[in-house]
């Protein structure tokens, strides 16, 4: 298959909608991400970051941050 054909398929309607629900994939993905965010989740992510920093410092390593998971 030629590259242009593959790109046309990948950008077409087959990959634009959710396979099970038929919803627009980007819209559903954004809604799922928003639903999974909460103060509790953010606090837990921050705590994990602190633990990683603590362990890394004990090993003499630096951690590359900040990065988000979402």
C-alpha atoms as a PDB file:
ATOM      1  CA  UNK A   1       0.000   0.000   0.000  1.00  0.00           C
ATOM      2  CA  UNK A   2       1.273   3.417  -0.839  1.00  0.00           C
ATOM      3  CA  UNK A   3       1.933   5.854   1.981  1.00  0.00           C
ATOM      4  CA  UNK A   4      -0.663   8.349   0.698  1.00  0.00           C
ATOM      5  CA  UNK A   5      -3.354   5.649   0.639  1.00  0.00           C
ATOM      6  CA  UNK A   6      -2.511   4.539   4.179  1.00  0.00           C
ATOM      7  CA  UNK A   7      -2.642   8.128   5.407  1.00  0.00           C
ATOM      8  CA  UNK A   8      -5.988   8.708   3.701  1.00  0.00           C
ATOM      9  CA  UNK A   9      -7.443   5.636   5.429  1.00  0.00           C
ATOM     10  CA  UNK A  10      -5.985   6.594   8.822  1.00  0.00           C
ATOM     11  CA  UNK A  11      -7.461  10.094   8.596  1.00  0.00           C
ATOM     12  CA  UNK A  12     -10.808   8.875   7.297  1.00  0.00           C
ATOM     13  CA  UNK A  13     -14.088   8.216   9.087  1.00  0.00           C
ATOM     14  CA  UNK A  14     -13.191   4.651  10.119  1.00  0.00           C
ATOM     15  CA  UNK A  15     -10.765   5.918  12.754  1.00  0.00           C
ATOM     16  CA  UNK A  16     -12.718   9.056  13.686  1.00  0.00           C
ATOM     17  CA  UNK A  17     -15.455   7.316  15.663  1.00  0.00           C
ATOM     18  CA  UNK A  18     -15.380   5.068  18.696  1.00  0.00           C
ATOM     19  CA  UNK A  19     -15.690   1.423  17.645  1.00  0.00           C
ATOM     20  CA  UNK A  20     -18.296   0.464  20.258  1.00  0.00           C
ATOM     21  CA  UNK A  21     -20.408   3.575  20.693  1.00  0.00           C
ATOM     22  CA  UNK A  22     -20.055   5.304  17.323  1.00  0.00           C
ATOM     23  CA  UNK A  23     -19.346   8.609  19.102  1.00  0.00           C
ATOM     24  CA  UNK A  24     -16.736  11.007  17.794  1.00  0.00           C
ATOM     25  CA  UNK A  25     -13.490   9.563  19.188  1.00  0.00           C
ATOM     26  CA  UNK A  26     -11.866  12.889  20.083  1.00  0.00           C
ATOM     27  CA  UNK A  27     -14.989  14.074  21.929  1.00  0.00           C
ATOM     28  CA  UNK A  28     -15.301  10.815  23.884  1.00  0.00           C
ATOM     29  CA  UNK A  29     -11.584  10.815  24.698  1.00  0.00           C
ATOM     30  CA  UNK A  30     -11.795  14.369  26.053  1.00  0.00           C
ATOM     31  CA  UNK A  31     -14.886  13.528  28.126  1.00  0.00           C
ATOM     32  CA  UNK A  32     -13.192  10.424  29.559  1.00  0.00           C
ATOM     33  CA  UNK A  33     -10.091  12.429  30.495  1.00  0.00           C
ATOM     34  CA  UNK A  34     -12.188  15.144  32.165  1.00  0.00           C
ATOM     35  CA  UNK A  35     -14.197  12.559  34.093  1.00  0.00           C
ATOM     36  CA  UNK A  36     -11.043  10.903  35.441  1.00  0.00           C
ATOM     37  CA  UNK A  37      -9.667  14.169  36.867  1.00  0.00           C
ATOM     38  CA  UNK A  38     -10.386  14.955  40.479  1.00  0.00           C
ATOM     39  CA  UNK A  39      -8.723  16.541  43.490  1.00  0.00           C
ATOM     40  CA  UNK A  40      -8.041  13.067  44.887  1.00  0.00           C
ATOM     41  CA  UNK A  41      -6.399  11.898  41.673  1.00  0.00           C
ATOM     42  CA  UNK A  42      -4.287  15.048  41.435  1.00  0.00           C
ATOM     43  CA  UNK A  43      -3.184  14.646  45.079  1.00  0.00           C
ATOM     44  CA  UNK A  44      -2.228  11.004  44.519  1.00  0.00           C
ATOM     45  CA  UNK A  45      -0.250  11.892  41.391  1.00  0.00           C
ATOM     46  CA  UNK A  46       1.606  14.589  43.367  1.00  0.00           C
ATOM     47  CA  UNK A  47       2.387  12.095  46.151  1.00  0.00           C
ATOM     48  CA  UNK A  48       3.766   9.575  43.670  1.00  0.00           C
ATOM     49  CA  UNK A  49       5.954  12.324  42.228  1.00  0.00           C
ATOM     50  CA  UNK A  50       7.297  13.081  45.706  1.00  0.00           C
ATOM     51  CA  UNK A  51       8.005   9.404  46.361  1.00  0.00           C
ATOM     52  CA  UNK A  52       9.824   9.083  43.046  1.00  0.00           C
ATOM     53  CA  UNK A  53      11.891  12.175  43.858  1.00  0.00           C
ATOM     54  CA  UNK A  54      12.752  10.776  47.307  1.00  0.00           C
ATOM     55  CA  UNK A  55      13.832   7.389  45.956  1.00  0.00           C
ATOM     56  CA  UNK A  56      15.752   8.970  43.091  1.00  0.00           C
ATOM     57  CA  UNK A  57      17.604  11.323  45.451  1.00  0.00           C
ATOM     58  CA  UNK A  58      18.573   8.361  47.654  1.00  0.00           C
ATOM     59  CA  UNK A  59      20.052   6.728  44.553  1.00  0.00           C
ATOM     60  CA  UNK A  60      21.779   9.925  43.428  1.00  0.00           C
ATOM     61  CA  UNK A  61      19.503  10.360  40.413  1.00  0.00           C
ATOM     62  CA  UNK A  62      17.512  13.322  39.139  1.00  0.00           C
ATOM     63  CA  UNK A  63      13.967  12.965  37.885  1.00  0.00           C
ATOM     64  CA  UNK A  64      12.849  14.824  34.756  1.00  0.00           C
ATOM     65  CA  UNK A  65       9.708  16.770  35.672  1.00  0.00           C
ATOM     66  CA  UNK A  66       7.178  18.390  35.480  1.00  0.00           C
ATOM     67  CA  UNK A  67       5.092  16.281  33.119  1.00  0.00           C
ATOM     68  CA  UNK A  68       1.415  15.506  33.211  1.00  0.00           C
ATOM     69  CA  UNK A  69      -0.133  12.096  32.828  1.00  0.00           C
ATOM     70  CA  UNK A  70      -3.142  13.405  30.936  1.00  0.00           C
END
